[in-house]
Amino acid sequence: MLILLAFIIVFHITSAALLFISTIDNAWWVGGNFYTDVWRVCATNTTTCMAITDQFKEYQSIQAVQATMILSTIFCCVAFLVFILQLFRLKQGERFVLTSIIQLLSCLCVMIAASIYTDRHEELHKSLEYRIDVSEGRYGYSFVLAWIAFAFTLISGVMYLILRKRK
């Protein structure tokens, strides 16, 4: 049982780390001379960055991605704290339902963020407000990590739903 508990804790911490990296790191959309995320656009040859502000046409979409990624990270951290509390407070044989619900909310939020970015990426990167041309690029590793974090949070949410507290 101790090995299972250690695996679940490591899996949950990995999910949180993936969410933090994909939310913070600047590699959602990359090209030969730029990299961008939901916060700013940077040119690789001049090391100058420009914040994405409300002057951009698709700023509402970016704000939705920002908000749901932050919410997913917060929900994942809260789910871990609730899991630790429930680990000591639940009676033997009860399930970690509250932890599961919070983790599945985190899963839903990261799915919404990545889906919005996937759907709106053409409009986001064809905006004339960018100082450099970012239309020709590809998804970066932060975007891929967001989808991997979706899978991890979904799996851990289901694991918590199935998991019973044992001795």
Protein backbone atom coordinates (compact mmCIF):
# COMPACT_ATOMS: atom_id res chain seq x y z
CA MET A 1 0.00 0.00 0.00
CA LEU A 2 2.88 2.34 0.75
CA ILE A 3 4.28 1.84 -2.75
CA LEU A 4 0.88 2.64 -4.27
CA LEU A 5 0.62 5.76 -2.14
CA ALA A 6 4.11 6.89 -3.18
CA PHE A 7 3.24 6.29 -6.85
CA ILE A 8 0.05 8.36 -6.55
CA ILE A 9 1.89 11.22 -4.86
CA VAL A 10 4.67 11.22 -7.46
CA PHE A 11 2.09 11.06 -10.27
CA HIS A 12 0.20 14.01 -8.82
CA ILE A 13 3.36 16.08 -8.32
CA THR A 14 4.36 15.29 -11.90
CA SER A 15 0.96 16.52 -13.09
CA ALA A 16 1.39 19.76 -11.16
CA ALA A 17 4.92 20.24 -12.52
CA LEU A 18 3.68 19.74 -16.08
CA LEU A 19 0.95 22.31 -15.50
CA PHE A 20 3.39 24.83 -14.05
CA ILE A 21 5.86 24.39 -16.91
CA SER A 22 3.22 24.59 -19.63
CA THR A 23 1.63 27.67 -18.05
CA ILE A 24 4.82 29.61 -17.41
CA ASP A 25 7.28 28.60 -20.12
CA ASN A 26 7.37 30.55 -23.35
CA ALA A 27 7.05 27.81 -25.96
CA TRP A 28 3.43 27.31 -27.02
CA TRP A 29 4.11 28.40 -30.61
CA VAL A 30 7.64 28.43 -31.98
CA GLY A 31 9.34 29.29 -35.24
CA GLY A 32 12.79 29.88 -36.59
CA ASN A 33 13.16 33.38 -35.20
CA PHE A 34 10.51 33.61 -32.48
CA TYR A 35 8.78 31.81 -29.64
CA THR A 36 5.49 32.71 -28.06
CA ASP A 37 3.12 31.61 -25.36
CA VAL A 38 -0.05 32.99 -23.84
CA TRP A 39 1.82 35.82 -22.12
CA ARG A 40 4.34 37.27 -24.57
CA VAL A 41 6.10 36.99 -27.92
CA CYS A 42 9.89 36.91 -28.07
CA ALA A 43 12.31 37.20 -30.97
CA THR A 44 15.21 34.77 -30.66
CA ASN A 45 17.82 36.89 -32.43
CA THR A 46 17.26 40.10 -30.44
CA THR A 47 16.10 38.70 -27.08
CA THR A 48 13.32 41.28 -26.96
CA CYS A 49 9.91 40.29 -25.77
CA MET A 50 6.56 41.94 -26.26
CA ALA A 51 3.70 41.33 -23.86
CA ILE A 52 0.39 40.24 -25.34
CA THR A 53 -2.04 42.96 -24.31
CA ASP A 54 -5.55 44.08 -25.16
CA GLN A 55 -4.28 45.73 -28.35
CA PHE A 56 -4.36 42.29 -30.01
CA LYS A 57 -7.49 41.37 -31.90
CA GLU A 58 -7.77 37.90 -30.34
CA TYR A 59 -6.89 39.00 -26.81
CA GLN A 60 -10.09 37.52 -25.35
CA SER A 61 -9.08 34.06 -26.56
CA ILE A 62 -5.62 34.46 -25.03
CA GLN A 63 -7.18 35.62 -21.77
CA ALA A 64 -9.40 32.54 -21.71
CA VAL A 65 -6.36 30.30 -22.19
CA GLN A 66 -4.45 32.20 -19.49
CA ALA A 67 -7.31 31.97 -17.00
CA THR A 68 -8.05 28.29 -17.53
CA MET A 69 -4.36 27.31 -17.35
CA ILE A 70 -3.98 29.22 -14.09
CA LEU A 71 -7.18 27.64 -12.75
CA SER A 72 -6.01 24.15 -13.72
CA THR A 73 -2.72 24.68 -11.90
CA ILE A 74 -4.49 26.00 -8.80
CA PHE A 75 -7.00 23.13 -8.83
CA CYS A 76 -4.19 20.58 -9.14
CA CYS A 77 -2.35 22.06 -6.16
CA VAL A 78 -5.53 22.28 -4.10
CA ALA A 79 -6.37 18.66 -4.99
CA PHE A 80 -2.98 17.58 -3.68
CA LEU A 81 -3.52 19.42 -0.39
CA VAL A 82 -7.01 17.96 -0.06
CA PHE A 83 -5.59 14.49 -0.76
CA ILE A 84 -3.03 14.89 2.04
CA LEU A 85 -5.76 16.12 4.41
CA GLN A 86 -8.11 13.31 3.44
CA LEU A 87 -5.33 10.81 3.86
CA PHE A 88 -5.30 11.57 7.58
CA ARG A 89 -8.99 12.45 8.08
CA LEU A 90 -10.93 9.83 6.12
CA LYS A 91 -12.11 6.67 7.78
CA GLN A 92 -10.86 3.37 6.49
CA GLY A 93 -12.73 2.21 3.38
CA GLU A 94 -13.86 5.68 2.22
CA ARG A 95 -12.99 7.06 -1.19
CA PHE A 96 -11.12 10.23 -2.07
CA VAL A 97 -14.12 11.71 -3.90
CA LEU A 98 -13.42 15.37 -3.12
CA THR A 99 -9.83 15.05 -4.30
CA SER A 100 -11.06 13.34 -7.46
CA ILE A 101 -13.59 16.07 -8.20
CA ILE A 102 -11.02 18.83 -7.78
CA GLN A 103 -8.48 16.97 -9.93
CA LEU A 104 -11.06 16.37 -12.64
CA LEU A 105 -11.85 20.11 -12.57
CA SER A 106 -8.15 20.72 -13.16
CA CYS A 107 -8.32 18.27 -16.06
CA LEU A 108 -11.32 20.10 -17.52
CA CYS A 109 -9.60 23.48 -17.26
CA VAL A 110 -6.41 22.39 -18.99
CA MET A 111 -8.47 20.69 -21.71
CA ILE A 112 -10.43 23.90 -22.28
CA ALA A 113 -7.22 25.98 -22.46
CA ALA A 114 -5.47 23.68 -24.90
CA SER A 115 -8.62 23.31 -26.99
CA ILE A 116 -9.13 27.06 -27.26
CA TYR A 117 -5.50 27.53 -28.27
CA THR A 118 -5.77 24.72 -30.81
CA ASP A 119 -8.94 26.16 -32.31
CA ARG A 120 -7.87 29.81 -32.36
CA HIS A 121 -4.15 29.50 -33.17
CA GLU A 122 -4.52 30.66 -36.77
CA GLU A 123 -6.33 33.84 -35.78
CA LEU A 124 -3.98 34.37 -32.85
CA HIS A 125 -0.85 34.25 -34.98
CA LYS A 126 -2.08 36.18 -38.00
CA SER A 127 -2.64 39.32 -35.99
CA LEU A 128 -1.05 42.44 -37.43
CA GLU A 129 -0.13 43.73 -33.96
CA TYR A 130 2.90 41.44 -33.73
CA ARG A 131 6.21 43.12 -34.55
CA ILE A 132 7.48 39.94 -36.17
CA ASP A 133 5.72 37.42 -38.39
CA VAL A 134 4.57 34.52 -36.21
CA SER A 135 2.14 32.94 -38.66
CA GLU A 136 4.68 30.37 -39.86
CA GLY A 137 5.43 28.23 -36.87
CA ARG A 138 4.56 25.03 -35.08
CA TYR A 139 3.29 24.01 -31.69
CA GLY A 140 5.99 24.11 -29.05
CA TYR A 141 6.74 21.78 -26.20
CA SER A 142 4.71 23.79 -23.67
CA PHE A 143 1.61 23.18 -25.74
CA VAL A 144 2.41 19.46 -25.89
CA LEU A 145 3.05 19.44 -22.13
CA ALA A 146 -0.38 20.99 -21.61
CA TRP A 147 -2.00 18.06 -23.43
CA ILE A 148 0.15 15.58 -21.51
CA ALA A 149 -0.89 17.33 -18.28
CA PHE A 150 -4.50 16.87 -19.38
CA ALA A 151 -3.95 13.13 -19.65
CA PHE A 152 -2.10 12.98 -16.32
CA THR A 153 -4.76 14.93 -14.45
CA LEU A 154 -7.51 12.81 -16.00
CA ILE A 155 -5.77 9.58 -14.99
CA SER A 156 -5.05 10.80 -11.46
CA GLY A 157 -8.62 12.08 -11.07
CA VAL A 158 -9.94 8.64 -12.00
CA MET A 159 -7.36 6.98 -9.72
CA TYR A 160 -8.57 9.06 -6.77
CA LEU A 161 -12.16 8.13 -7.58
CA ILE A 162 -11.31 4.43 -7.50
CA LEU A 163 -8.87 4.60 -4.58
CA ARG A 164 -10.11 3.55 -1.15
CA LYS A 165 -8.33 4.35 2.06
CA ARG A 166 -6.73 1.20 3.45
CA LYS A 167 -4.49 0.44 6.38
